[in-house]
PDB file of N, CA and C in Angstrom:
ATOM      1  N   UNK A   1      -1.691  -9.273   3.322  1.00  0.00           N
ATOM      2  CA  UNK A   1      -1.226  -8.279   4.262  1.00  0.00           C
ATOM      3  C   UNK A   1      -2.215  -8.235   5.420  1.00  0.00           C
ATOM      4  N   UNK A   2      -1.734  -8.307   6.605  1.00  0.00           N
ATOM      5  CA  UNK A   2      -2.591  -8.118   7.766  1.00  0.00           C
ATOM      6  C   UNK A   2      -2.482  -6.673   8.215  1.00  0.00           C
ATOM      7  N   UNK A   3      -3.467  -6.229   8.932  1.00  0.00           N
ATOM      8  CA  UNK A   3      -3.521  -4.836   9.369  1.00  0.00           C
ATOM      9  C   UNK A   3      -3.132  -4.756  10.834  1.00  0.00           C
ATOM     10  N   UNK A   4      -1.938  -4.261  11.147  1.00  0.00           N
ATOM     11  CA  UNK A   4      -1.483  -4.184  12.537  1.00  0.00           C
ATOM     12  C   UNK A   4      -2.096  -3.052  13.333  1.00  0.00           C
ATOM     13  N   UNK A   5      -3.027  -2.348  12.753  1.00  0.00           N
ATOM     14  CA  UNK A   5      -3.587  -1.177  13.417  1.00  0.00           C
ATOM     15  C   UNK A   5      -4.173  -1.491  14.794  1.00  0.00           C
ATOM     16  N   UNK A   6      -5.013  -2.519  14.959  1.00  0.00           N
ATOM     17  CA  UNK A   6      -5.572  -2.757  16.296  1.00  0.00           C
ATOM     18  C   UNK A   6      -4.507  -3.133  17.332  1.00  0.00           C
ATOM     19  N   UNK A   7      -3.488  -3.863  16.929  1.00  0.00           N
ATOM     20  CA  UNK A   7      -2.471  -4.323  17.884  1.00  0.00           C
ATOM     21  C   UNK A   7      -1.470  -3.239  18.255  1.00  0.00           C
ATOM     22  N   UNK A   8      -1.082  -2.410  17.292  1.00  0.00           N
ATOM     23  CA  UNK A   8      -0.002  -1.453  17.517  1.00  0.00           C
ATOM     24  C   UNK A   8      -0.452  -0.003  17.492  1.00  0.00           C
ATOM     25  N   UNK A   9      -1.728   0.241  17.283  1.00  0.00           N
ATOM     26  CA  UNK A   9      -2.285   1.589  17.214  1.00  0.00           C
ATOM     27  C   UNK A   9      -1.631   2.433  16.125  1.00  0.00           C
ATOM     28  N   UNK A  10      -1.300   1.803  15.005  1.00  0.00           N
ATOM     29  CA  UNK A  10      -0.758   2.526  13.859  1.00  0.00           C
ATOM     30  C   UNK A  10      -1.904   3.134  13.063  1.00  0.00           C
ATOM     31  N   UNK A  11      -1.642   4.268  12.417  1.00  0.00           N
ATOM     32  CA  UNK A  11      -2.631   4.842  11.525  1.00  0.00           C
ATOM     33  C   UNK A  11      -2.572   4.093  10.197  1.00  0.00           C
ATOM     34  N   UNK A  12      -3.627   4.203   9.420  1.00  0.00           N
ATOM     35  CA  UNK A  12      -3.644   3.552   8.115  1.00  0.00           C
ATOM     36  C   UNK A  12      -2.540   4.126   7.227  1.00  0.00           C
ATOM     37  N   UNK A  13      -2.286   5.421   7.315  1.00  0.00           N
ATOM     38  CA  UNK A  13      -1.198   6.026   6.536  1.00  0.00           C
ATOM     39  C   UNK A  13       0.159   5.430   6.902  1.00  0.00           C
ATOM     40  N   UNK A  14       0.378   5.167   8.191  1.00  0.00           N
ATOM     41  CA  UNK A  14       1.634   4.541   8.615  1.00  0.00           C
ATOM     42  C   UNK A  14       1.755   3.114   8.079  1.00  0.00           C
ATOM     43  N   UNK A  15       0.652   2.397   8.041  1.00  0.00           N
ATOM     44  CA  UNK A  15       0.658   1.031   7.525  1.00  0.00           C
ATOM     45  C   UNK A  15       0.967   1.028   6.037  1.00  0.00           C
ATOM     46  N   UNK A  16       0.314   1.903   5.280  1.00  0.00           N
ATOM     47  CA  UNK A  16       0.549   1.982   3.831  1.00  0.00           C
ATOM     48  C   UNK A  16       1.999   2.362   3.553  1.00  0.00           C
ATOM     49  N   UNK A  17       2.528   3.331   4.289  1.00  0.00           N
ATOM     50  CA  UNK A  17       3.940   3.704   4.120  1.00  0.00           C
ATOM     51  C   UNK A  17       4.848   2.534   4.471  1.00  0.00           C
ATOM     52  N   UNK A  18       4.496   1.780   5.496  1.00  0.00           N
ATOM     53  CA  UNK A  18       5.316   0.660   5.926  1.00  0.00           C
ATOM     54  C   UNK A  18       5.407  -0.453   4.898  1.00  0.00           C
ATOM     55  N   UNK A  19       4.302  -0.740   4.219  1.00  0.00           N
ATOM     56  CA  UNK A  19       4.324  -1.833   3.238  1.00  0.00           C
ATOM     57  C   UNK A  19       4.801  -1.369   1.867  1.00  0.00           C
ATOM     58  N   UNK A  20       5.044  -0.102   1.721  1.00  0.00           N
ATOM     59  CA  UNK A  20       5.530   0.429   0.442  1.00  0.00           C
ATOM     60  C   UNK A  20       6.923   1.032   0.601  1.00  0.00           C
ATOM     61  N   UNK A  21       6.980   2.269   1.016  1.00  0.00           N
ATOM     62  CA  UNK A  21       8.246   2.996   1.093  1.00  0.00           C
ATOM     63  C   UNK A  21       9.230   2.346   2.057  1.00  0.00           C
ATOM     64  N   UNK A  22       8.784   2.048   3.262  1.00  0.00           N
ATOM     65  CA  UNK A  22       9.709   1.528   4.274  1.00  0.00           C
ATOM     66  C   UNK A  22      10.146   0.101   3.959  1.00  0.00           C
ATOM     67  N   UNK A  23       9.285  -0.687   3.331  1.00  0.00           N
ATOM     68  CA  UNK A  23       9.685  -2.033   2.911  1.00  0.00           C
ATOM     69  C   UNK A  23      10.758  -1.945   1.833  1.00  0.00           C
ATOM     70  N   UNK A  24      10.584  -1.039   0.873  1.00  0.00           N
ATOM     71  CA  UNK A  24      11.594  -0.853  -0.176  1.00  0.00           C
ATOM     72  C   UNK A  24      12.912  -0.377   0.424  1.00  0.00           C
ATOM     73  N   UNK A  25      12.830   0.515   1.393  1.00  0.00           N
ATOM     74  CA  UNK A  25      14.042   1.014   2.065  1.00  0.00           C
ATOM     75  C   UNK A  25      14.756  -0.141   2.778  1.00  0.00           C
ATOM     76  N   UNK A  26      14.000  -0.995   3.476  1.00  0.00           N
ATOM     77  CA  UNK A  26      14.602  -2.113   4.211  1.00  0.00           C
ATOM     78  C   UNK A  26      15.288  -3.100   3.271  1.00  0.00           C
ATOM     79  N   UNK A  27      14.764  -3.229   2.054  1.00  0.00           N
ATOM     80  CA  UNK A  27      15.345  -4.138   1.066  1.00  0.00           C
ATOM     81  C   UNK A  27      16.435  -3.487   0.232  1.00  0.00           C
ATOM     82  N   UNK A  28      16.708  -2.205   0.495  1.00  0.00           N
ATOM     83  CA  UNK A  28      17.730  -1.496  -0.266  1.00  0.00           C
ATOM     84  C   UNK A  28      17.316  -1.180  -1.689  1.00  0.00           C
ATOM     85  N   UNK A  29      15.994  -1.070  -1.927  1.00  0.00           N
ATOM     86  CA  UNK A  29      15.493  -0.842  -3.288  1.00  0.00           C
ATOM     87  C   UNK A  29      14.706   0.462  -3.408  1.00  0.00           C
ATOM     88  N   UNK A  30      14.840   1.367  -2.463  1.00  0.00           N
ATOM     89  CA  UNK A  30      14.056   2.599  -2.484  1.00  0.00           C
ATOM     90  C   UNK A  30      14.329   3.443  -3.719  1.00  0.00           C
ATOM     91  N   UNK A  31      15.494   3.314  -4.323  1.00  0.00           N
ATOM     92  CA  UNK A  31      15.796   4.064  -5.535  1.00  0.00           C
ATOM     93  C   UNK A  31      15.029   3.596  -6.752  1.00  0.00           C
ATOM     94  N   UNK A  32      14.475   2.380  -6.703  1.00  0.00           N
ATOM     95  CA  UNK A  32      13.769   1.847  -7.871  1.00  0.00           C
ATOM     96  C   UNK A  32      12.302   1.529  -7.626  1.00  0.00           C
ATOM     97  N   UNK A  33      11.901   1.320  -6.364  1.00  0.00           N
ATOM     98  CA  UNK A  33      10.502   1.018  -6.030  1.00  0.00           C
ATOM     99  C   UNK A  33      10.142   1.665  -4.700  1.00  0.00           C
ATOM    100  N   UNK A  34       8.872   1.591  -4.325  1.00  0.00           N
ATOM    101  CA  UNK A  34       8.455   2.023  -2.991  1.00  0.00           C
ATOM    102  C   UNK A  34       7.690   3.326  -2.927  1.00  0.00           C
ATOM    103  N   UNK A  35       7.863   4.192  -3.918  1.00  0.00           N
ATOM    104  CA  UNK A  35       7.114   5.450  -3.996  1.00  0.00           C
ATOM    105  C   UNK A  35       6.720   5.688  -5.447  1.00  0.00           C
ATOM    106  N   UNK A  36       5.715   6.511  -5.649  1.00  0.00           N
ATOM    107  CA  UNK A  36       5.289   6.851  -7.009  1.00  0.00           C
ATOM    108  C   UNK A  36       6.104   8.024  -7.516  1.00  0.00           C
ATOM    109  N   UNK A  37       7.075   7.727  -8.358  1.00  0.00           N
ATOM    110  CA  UNK A  37       7.934   8.745  -8.940  1.00  0.00           C
ATOM    111  C   UNK A  37       8.288   8.343 -10.359  1.00  0.00           C
ATOM    112  N   UNK A  38       8.510   9.328 -11.197  1.00  0.00           N
ATOM    113  CA  UNK A  38       8.915   9.057 -12.579  1.00  0.00           C
ATOM    114  C   UNK A  38      10.187   8.222 -12.597  1.00  0.00           C
ATOM    115  N   UNK A  39      10.200   7.186 -13.425  1.00  0.00           N
ATOM    116  CA  UNK A  39      11.365   6.345 -13.586  1.00  0.00           C
ATOM    117  C   UNK A  39      11.423   5.138 -12.662  1.00  0.00           C
ATOM    118  N   UNK A  40      10.524   5.066 -11.687  1.00  0.00           N
ATOM    119  CA  UNK A  40      10.503   3.916 -10.787  1.00  0.00           C
ATOM    120  C   UNK A  40       9.533   2.854 -11.312  1.00  0.00           C
ATOM    121  N   UNK A  41       9.804   1.587 -10.942  1.00  0.00           N
ATOM    122  CA  UNK A  41       8.880   0.509 -11.274  1.00  0.00           C
ATOM    123  C   UNK A  41       7.607   0.682 -10.448  1.00  0.00           C
ATOM    124  N   UNK A  42       6.486   0.186 -10.996  1.00  0.00           N
ATOM    125  CA  UNK A  42       5.227   0.454 -10.321  1.00  0.00           C
ATOM    126  C   UNK A  42       4.319  -0.771 -10.288  1.00  0.00           C
ATOM    127  N   UNK A  43       3.892  -1.147  -9.109  1.00  0.00           N
ATOM    128  CA  UNK A  43       2.737  -1.999  -8.899  1.00  0.00           C
ATOM    129  C   UNK A  43       1.768  -1.115  -8.132  1.00  0.00           C
ATOM    130  N   UNK A  44       0.552  -1.008  -8.609  1.00  0.00           N
ATOM    131  CA  UNK A  44      -0.382  -0.047  -8.040  1.00  0.00           C
ATOM    132  C   UNK A  44      -1.753  -0.667  -7.908  1.00  0.00           C
ATOM    133  N   UNK A  45      -2.386  -0.503  -6.757  1.00  0.00           N
ATOM    134  CA  UNK A  45      -3.765  -0.935  -6.542  1.00  0.00           C
ATOM    135  C   UNK A  45      -4.634   0.313  -6.460  1.00  0.00           C
ATOM    136  N   UNK A  46      -5.736   0.297  -7.179  1.00  0.00           N
ATOM    137  CA  UNK A  46      -6.700   1.395  -7.136  1.00  0.00           C
ATOM    138  C   UNK A  46      -7.925   0.865  -6.399  1.00  0.00           C
ATOM    139  N   UNK A  47      -8.183   1.427  -5.236  1.00  0.00           N
ATOM    140  CA  UNK A  47      -9.237   0.941  -4.361  1.00  0.00           C
ATOM    141  C   UNK A  47     -10.529   1.711  -4.557  1.00  0.00           C
ATOM    142  N   UNK A  48     -11.644   1.032  -4.464  1.00  0.00           N
ATOM    143  CA  UNK A  48     -12.959   1.655  -4.556  1.00  0.00           C
ATOM    144  C   UNK A  48     -13.448   1.989  -3.140  1.00  0.00           C
ATOM    145  N   UNK A  49     -12.742   2.912  -2.498  1.00  0.00           N
ATOM    146  CA  UNK A  49     -13.099   3.384  -1.157  1.00  0.00           C
ATOM    147  C   UNK A  49     -12.928   4.898  -1.140  1.00  0.00           C
ATOM    148  N   UNK A  50     -13.614   5.534  -0.215  1.00  0.00           N
ATOM    149  CA  UNK A  50     -13.467   6.984  -0.099  1.00  0.00           C
ATOM    150  C   UNK A  50     -12.227   7.368   0.695  1.00  0.00           C
ATOM    151  N   UNK A  51     -11.879   6.550   1.703  1.00  0.00           N
ATOM    152  CA  UNK A  51     -10.720   6.814   2.545  1.00  0.00           C
ATOM    153  C   UNK A  51      -9.976   5.506   2.769  1.00  0.00           C
ATOM    154  N   UNK A  52      -8.654   5.571   2.864  1.00  0.00           N
ATOM    155  CA  UNK A  52      -7.859   4.365   3.126  1.00  0.00           C
ATOM    156  C   UNK A  52      -8.259   3.695   4.432  1.00  0.00           C
ATOM    157  N   UNK A  53      -8.776   4.459   5.373  1.00  0.00           N
ATOM    158  CA  UNK A  53      -9.163   3.908   6.669  1.00  0.00           C
ATOM    159  C   UNK A  53     -10.261   2.851   6.544  1.00  0.00           C
ATOM    160  N   UNK A  54     -10.957   2.807   5.412  1.00  0.00           N
ATOM    161  CA  UNK A  54     -11.998   1.799   5.210  1.00  0.00           C
ATOM    162  C   UNK A  54     -11.414   0.408   4.976  1.00  0.00           C
ATOM    163  N   UNK A  55     -10.191   0.321   4.478  1.00  0.00           N
ATOM    164  CA  UNK A  55      -9.624  -0.972   4.098  1.00  0.00           C
ATOM    165  C   UNK A  55      -9.540  -1.989   5.236  1.00  0.00           C
ATOM    166  N   UNK A  56      -9.035  -1.643   6.417  1.00  0.00           N
ATOM    167  CA  UNK A  56      -8.931  -2.680   7.454  1.00  0.00           C
ATOM    168  C   UNK A  56     -10.256  -3.062   8.099  1.00  0.00           C
ATOM    169  N   UNK A  57     -11.318  -2.321   7.844  1.00  0.00           N
ATOM    170  CA  UNK A  57     -12.588  -2.574   8.515  1.00  0.00           C
ATOM    171  C   UNK A  57     -13.608  -3.280   7.642  1.00  0.00           C
ATOM    172  N   UNK A  58     -13.271  -3.587   6.414  1.00  0.00           N
ATOM    173  CA  UNK A  58     -14.239  -4.179   5.502  1.00  0.00           C
ATOM    174  C   UNK A  58     -13.807  -5.582   5.114  1.00  0.00           C
ATOM    175  N   UNK A  59     -13.597  -6.441   6.089  1.00  0.00           N
ATOM    176  CA  UNK A  59     -13.182  -7.806   5.825  1.00  0.00           C
ATOM    177  C   UNK A  59     -14.266  -8.545   5.038  1.00  0.00           C
ATOM    178  N   UNK A  60     -13.853  -9.369   4.102  1.00  0.00           N
ATOM    179  CA  UNK A  60     -14.791 -10.117   3.282  1.00  0.00           C
ATOM    180  C   UNK A  60     -15.289  -9.333   2.079  1.00  0.00           C
ATOM    181  N   UNK A  61     -14.889  -8.089   1.957  1.00  0.00           N
ATOM    182  CA  UNK A  61     -15.289  -7.237   0.843  1.00  0.00           C
ATOM    183  C   UNK A  61     -14.034  -6.893   0.056  1.00  0.00           C
ATOM    184  N   UNK A  62     -14.082  -7.067  -1.248  1.00  0.00           N
ATOM    185  CA  UNK A  62     -12.911  -6.764  -2.079  1.00  0.00           C
ATOM    186  C   UNK A  62     -13.123  -5.435  -2.787  1.00  0.00           C
ATOM    187  N   UNK A  63     -12.550  -4.348  -2.270  1.00  0.00           N
ATOM    188  CA  UNK A  63     -12.758  -3.037  -2.873  1.00  0.00           C
ATOM    189  C   UNK A  63     -11.784  -2.716  -4.009  1.00  0.00           C
ATOM    190  N   UNK A  64     -11.054  -3.722  -4.510  1.00  0.00           N
ATOM    191  CA  UNK A  64     -10.082  -3.467  -5.574  1.00  0.00           C
ATOM    192  C   UNK A  64     -10.807  -3.091  -6.864  1.00  0.00           C
ATOM    193  N   UNK A  65     -10.528  -1.901  -7.371  1.00  0.00           N
ATOM    194  CA  UNK A  65     -11.127  -1.427  -8.619  1.00  0.00           C
ATOM    195  C   UNK A  65     -10.262  -1.821  -9.812  1.00  0.00           C
ATOM    196  N   UNK A  66      -8.975  -1.615  -9.692  1.00  0.00           N
ATOM    197  CA  UNK A  66      -8.051  -1.943 -10.784  1.00  0.00           C
ATOM    198  C   UNK A  66      -6.659  -2.165 -10.207  1.00  0.00           C
ATOM    199  N   UNK A  67      -5.836  -2.832 -11.000  1.00  0.00           N
ATOM    200  CA  UNK A  67      -4.475  -3.104 -10.564  1.00  0.00           C
ATOM    201  C   UNK A  67      -3.525  -2.847 -11.718  1.00  0.00           C
ATOM    202  N   UNK A  68      -2.404  -2.211 -11.396  1.00  0.00           N
ATOM    203  CA  UNK A  68      -1.326  -2.022 -12.364  1.00  0.00           C
ATOM    204  C   UNK A  68      -0.168  -2.865 -11.848  1.00  0.00           C
ATOM    205  N   UNK A  69       0.281  -3.799 -12.656  1.00  0.00           N
ATOM    206  CA  UNK A  69       1.357  -4.684 -12.238  1.00  0.00           C
ATOM    207  C   UNK A  69       2.517  -4.545 -13.207  1.00  0.00           C
ATOM    208  N   UNK A  70       3.674  -4.209 -12.674  1.00  0.00           N
ATOM    209  CA  UNK A  70       4.870  -3.959 -13.466  1.00  0.00           C
ATOM    210  C   UNK A  70       4.625  -2.878 -14.531  1.00  0.00           C
ATOM    211  N   UNK A  71       3.855  -1.892 -14.150  1.00  0.00           N
ATOM    212  CA  UNK A  71       3.615  -0.752 -15.025  1.00  0.00           C
ATOM    213  C   UNK A  71       2.590  -0.985 -16.123  1.00  0.00           C
ATOM    214  N   UNK A  72       1.899  -2.123 -16.110  1.00  0.00           N
ATOM    215  CA  UNK A  72       0.913  -2.403 -17.173  1.00  0.00           C
ATOM    216  C   UNK A  72      -0.460  -2.684 -16.607  1.00  0.00           C
TER     217      UNK A  72
END
C-alpha cells in the first residue's frame, strides 16, 4: 500500500478508511468485510505505534506487532 497523503493531502484516517471500508464498498462486499463488526470476516493488523499518523513517515521500519488473518 502506498500512502497518498503527500500527493492528495488526505488524512491518515481517510487513507485507512479508504483501504478498508471504502474498498469493501467498491467491491460490493461491505456486508461481509471492511469494518470491525460481529459476524464479519476479519484480517487485522496490530501496529506498534502510538498514532496511525506514524505509519507513512517511518519507511524502512516495520511496526507490525501482530496480524490476524481470516480471523485466526
